[in-house]
Protein backbone atom coordinates (compact mmCIF):
# COMPACT_ATOMS: atom_id res chain seq x y z
CA MET A 1 123.99 107.73 167.53
CA PRO A 2 121.17 110.29 167.06
CA ARG A 3 118.66 107.49 166.68
CA LYS A 4 119.13 106.47 170.31
CA PHE A 5 118.65 110.08 171.42
CA PHE A 6 115.40 110.53 169.51
CA ARG A 7 114.06 107.09 170.35
CA LYS A 8 113.44 108.06 173.97
CA TYR A 9 111.21 110.97 172.85
CA LEU A 10 109.26 109.21 170.10
CA PRO A 11 106.32 106.94 170.95
CA SER A 12 106.77 103.20 170.59
CA HIS A 13 104.77 101.27 168.02
CA GLU A 14 102.80 99.54 170.79
CA SER A 15 101.92 102.80 172.57
CA VAL A 16 100.57 104.24 169.32
CA ARG A 17 98.50 101.14 168.67
CA GLU A 18 97.03 101.24 172.20
CA ASN A 19 96.43 105.01 172.33
CA ARG A 20 92.71 105.77 172.38
CA TYR A 21 93.05 108.73 169.97
CA PHE A 22 95.23 106.96 167.42
CA SER A 23 93.30 103.68 167.60
CA ARG A 24 90.35 105.43 165.90
CA PHE A 25 92.36 105.62 162.70
CA GLY A 26 92.63 101.85 162.60
CA ARG A 27 95.44 100.35 160.59
CA PHE A 28 96.42 103.63 158.89
CA LEU A 29 98.76 104.69 161.69
CA HIS A 30 100.11 101.23 162.50
CA HIS A 31 102.78 100.89 159.83
CA PRO A 32 106.20 100.68 161.54
CA ASN A 33 107.88 103.22 159.23
CA LEU A 34 105.55 105.93 160.51
CA TRP A 35 107.24 105.73 163.91
CA HIS A 36 110.64 104.04 163.48
CA LEU A 37 113.86 105.90 162.84
CA ASN A 38 115.64 104.44 159.84
CA ARG A 39 117.43 106.13 156.98
CA HIS A 40 114.65 105.84 154.41
CA SER A 41 111.80 106.70 156.75
CA VAL A 42 113.53 109.77 158.19
CA ALA A 43 114.70 110.99 154.77
CA GLY A 44 111.15 110.60 153.47
CA GLY A 45 109.78 112.43 156.51
CA VAL A 46 112.18 115.32 155.93
CA ALA A 47 111.19 115.48 152.26
CA VAL A 48 107.46 115.43 153.04
CA GLY A 49 107.86 118.05 155.78
CA LEU A 50 109.89 120.38 153.58
CA PHE A 51 107.36 120.00 150.78
CA ALA A 52 104.34 120.53 153.03
CA GLY A 53 105.95 123.50 154.76
CA LEU A 54 105.23 125.70 151.75
CA VAL A 55 101.52 124.93 151.69
CA PRO A 56 99.76 128.24 152.32
CA GLY A 57 97.92 128.87 155.52
CA PRO A 58 97.65 126.72 158.61
CA LEU A 59 97.36 123.48 156.61
CA GLN A 60 101.04 122.58 156.61
CA MET A 61 100.99 119.93 159.34
CA LEU A 62 97.75 118.45 158.07
CA THR A 63 99.26 118.18 154.58
CA ALA A 64 102.41 116.60 156.01
CA ALA A 65 100.34 114.01 157.90
CA ILE A 66 98.16 113.26 154.88
CA LEU A 67 101.26 112.71 152.73
CA ALA A 68 103.31 110.84 155.34
CA VAL A 69 100.76 108.10 156.03
CA PRO A 70 100.33 106.72 152.48
CA LEU A 71 104.02 107.26 151.67
CA ARG A 72 104.92 105.46 154.93
CA VAL A 73 107.56 107.90 156.09
CA ASN A 74 108.30 109.00 159.63
CA LEU A 75 105.26 111.00 160.75
CA PRO A 76 106.78 112.96 163.67
CA VAL A 77 109.75 114.02 161.52
CA ALA A 78 107.42 115.13 158.73
CA LEU A 79 105.37 117.20 161.16
CA LEU A 80 108.43 118.79 162.78
CA MET A 81 110.02 119.68 159.44
CA THR A 82 107.07 121.89 158.52
CA LEU A 83 108.17 124.31 161.24
CA TYR A 84 110.88 125.82 159.03
CA THR A 85 108.18 128.15 157.76
CA ASN A 86 107.28 130.72 160.37
CA PRO A 87 106.42 134.42 160.38
CA VAL A 88 110.10 135.31 159.96
CA THR A 89 110.92 132.96 157.06
CA ILE A 90 107.66 132.86 155.11
CA GLY A 91 108.15 136.27 153.47
CA PRO A 92 111.60 135.54 151.99
CA LEU A 93 110.47 132.06 150.93
CA TYR A 94 107.46 133.46 149.08
CA VAL A 95 109.61 136.12 147.39
CA LEU A 96 112.03 133.36 146.33
CA ALA A 97 109.10 131.25 145.10
CA PHE A 98 107.77 134.19 143.10
CA GLY A 99 111.20 134.66 141.51
CA ILE A 100 111.44 130.98 140.62
CA GLY A 101 107.91 131.04 139.19
CA SER A 102 108.71 134.14 137.11
CA LEU A 103 111.82 132.43 135.75
CA LEU A 104 109.94 129.24 134.89
CA LEU A 105 107.08 131.10 133.24
CA GLU A 106 109.43 133.62 131.63
CA ASP A 107 107.21 136.35 133.01
CA GLY A 108 108.90 139.71 132.54
CA ASN A 109 106.61 141.63 134.93
CA GLY A 110 108.83 141.00 137.93
CA PHE A 111 108.01 141.56 141.56
CA THR A 112 106.11 144.72 142.41
CA THR A 113 106.40 146.25 145.85
CA PRO A 114 103.39 145.81 148.10
CA PRO A 115 101.07 148.79 148.41
CA ALA A 116 101.19 150.95 151.51
CA PHE A 117 98.63 149.94 154.10
CA ASP A 118 96.57 152.82 155.48
CA PHE A 119 94.76 151.89 158.69
CA MET A 120 92.59 155.01 158.44
CA GLN A 121 91.06 153.60 155.23
CA PHE A 122 91.16 149.96 156.30
CA SER A 123 88.64 148.40 153.90
CA GLU A 124 90.12 150.13 150.85
CA SER A 125 93.66 149.16 151.90
CA VAL A 126 92.65 145.53 152.35
CA GLU A 127 91.05 145.51 148.90
CA ILE A 128 94.15 147.05 147.28
CA TYR A 129 96.41 144.61 149.13
CA LEU A 130 94.31 141.59 148.04
CA ARG A 131 94.43 142.76 144.40
CA TRP A 132 98.21 143.03 144.71
CA VAL A 133 98.43 139.47 146.12
CA LEU A 134 96.19 138.12 143.35
CA SER A 135 98.36 139.84 140.73
CA LEU A 136 101.22 137.61 141.91
CA GLY A 137 99.01 134.55 141.26
CA LYS A 138 100.41 132.25 138.59
CA PRO A 139 104.14 132.94 139.08
CA LEU A 140 103.75 132.56 142.85
CA PHE A 141 101.81 129.29 142.54
CA VAL A 142 104.24 127.75 140.05
CA GLY A 143 107.18 128.97 142.13
CA LEU A 144 105.76 127.54 145.36
CA VAL A 145 105.27 124.12 143.80
CA ALA A 146 108.74 124.19 142.21
CA LEU A 147 110.41 125.37 145.43
CA ALA A 148 108.54 122.80 147.52
CA VAL A 149 109.60 119.97 145.22
CA LEU A 150 113.17 121.25 145.12
CA LEU A 151 113.39 121.52 148.92
CA GLY A 152 111.85 118.07 149.33
CA VAL A 153 114.31 116.44 146.93
CA LEU A 154 117.31 118.27 148.41
CA GLY A 155 116.20 117.37 151.94
CA TYR A 156 115.76 113.71 151.05
CA PHE A 157 119.20 113.35 149.48
CA ALA A 158 120.88 115.43 152.21
CA VAL A 159 119.53 113.12 154.92
CA GLN A 160 120.48 110.03 152.90
CA ALA A 161 124.03 111.33 152.42
CA GLY A 162 124.39 112.55 156.00
CA TRP A 163 123.12 109.28 157.42
CA ARG A 164 125.47 107.31 155.18
CA LEU A 165 128.45 109.48 156.19
CA HIS A 166 127.59 108.99 159.85
CA VAL A 167 127.42 105.20 159.45
CA VAL A 168 130.71 105.02 157.50
CA HIS A 169 132.39 107.24 160.10
CA SER A 170 131.13 104.96 162.89
CA TRP A 171 132.36 101.84 161.07
CA ARG A 172 135.81 103.34 160.59
CA ARG A 173 136.01 104.52 164.20
CA ARG A 174 135.11 101.05 165.49
CA ALA A 175 137.66 99.47 163.14
CA ARG A 176 140.38 101.82 164.47
CA GLU A 177 139.42 100.95 168.03
CA ARG A 178 139.58 97.21 167.26
CA ARG A 179 143.03 97.60 165.67
CA ALA A 180 144.27 99.61 168.66
CA ARG A 181 143.29 96.90 171.16
CA PRO A 182 146.02 94.40 171.96
CA ASN A 183 145.38 90.95 170.51
CA ARG A 184 145.06 88.37 173.21
CA PRO A 185 145.62 84.76 172.29
CA LEU A 186 142.74 82.45 172.98
CA GLN A 187 143.27 80.39 176.09
CA PRO A 188 142.47 76.68 175.80
C-alpha cells in the first residue's frame, strides 16, 4: 500500500511535537490529520496544494501551509502539490487561466501577444511589458481563481476515487486469495 511507503519518509506525530522549530507554533501543528496519511487528509492536502499552486509569486507553499493548518489536511502533501507550477508549466497555466477568465467575463478582447523585449532599451521595455501584464488584469485574476478552484476540486475527487478503487481492489484480491487457499478442518 502506498501509505506504508510514504509513512517511512513522513515525520511521526511525536517527532513533530518534540521538534524545537515546530514546538514554537504550539498546538497549531499538533492535529493528527496534518501528518497522518488517510483518504480525507491526503485528498484535502492535494486540493489545497493544487489551489495554492496558482498563487502568484513565491507565496505558494506559504499559502498551502496557511490553508492546510485550519482545514486540517495533510501538510506535507499540500506543500508538495504546489510544485506542479514551475518555470515550464506556469506560462501555459496562466494562458489557460486568462482564457477561462475571458470566457467567464465574456471579454471579447482576447489574448494579445507579449511585446518584444529590447535589452538595449531595458527600462522602456520593462515599462511596456508591465503595461501589457496589467492589461490582462481582471480576466487573468478571475481565471486564476476559477482554475485554482477547479483544480482543487478535481484533485480532491480524483484522490478520493483513486483511494477507494485501491481499497476495493485490495479487498477483492485478498478475498480471491482466501478462496484459493485449501480449507483445513479445525483439529480438536
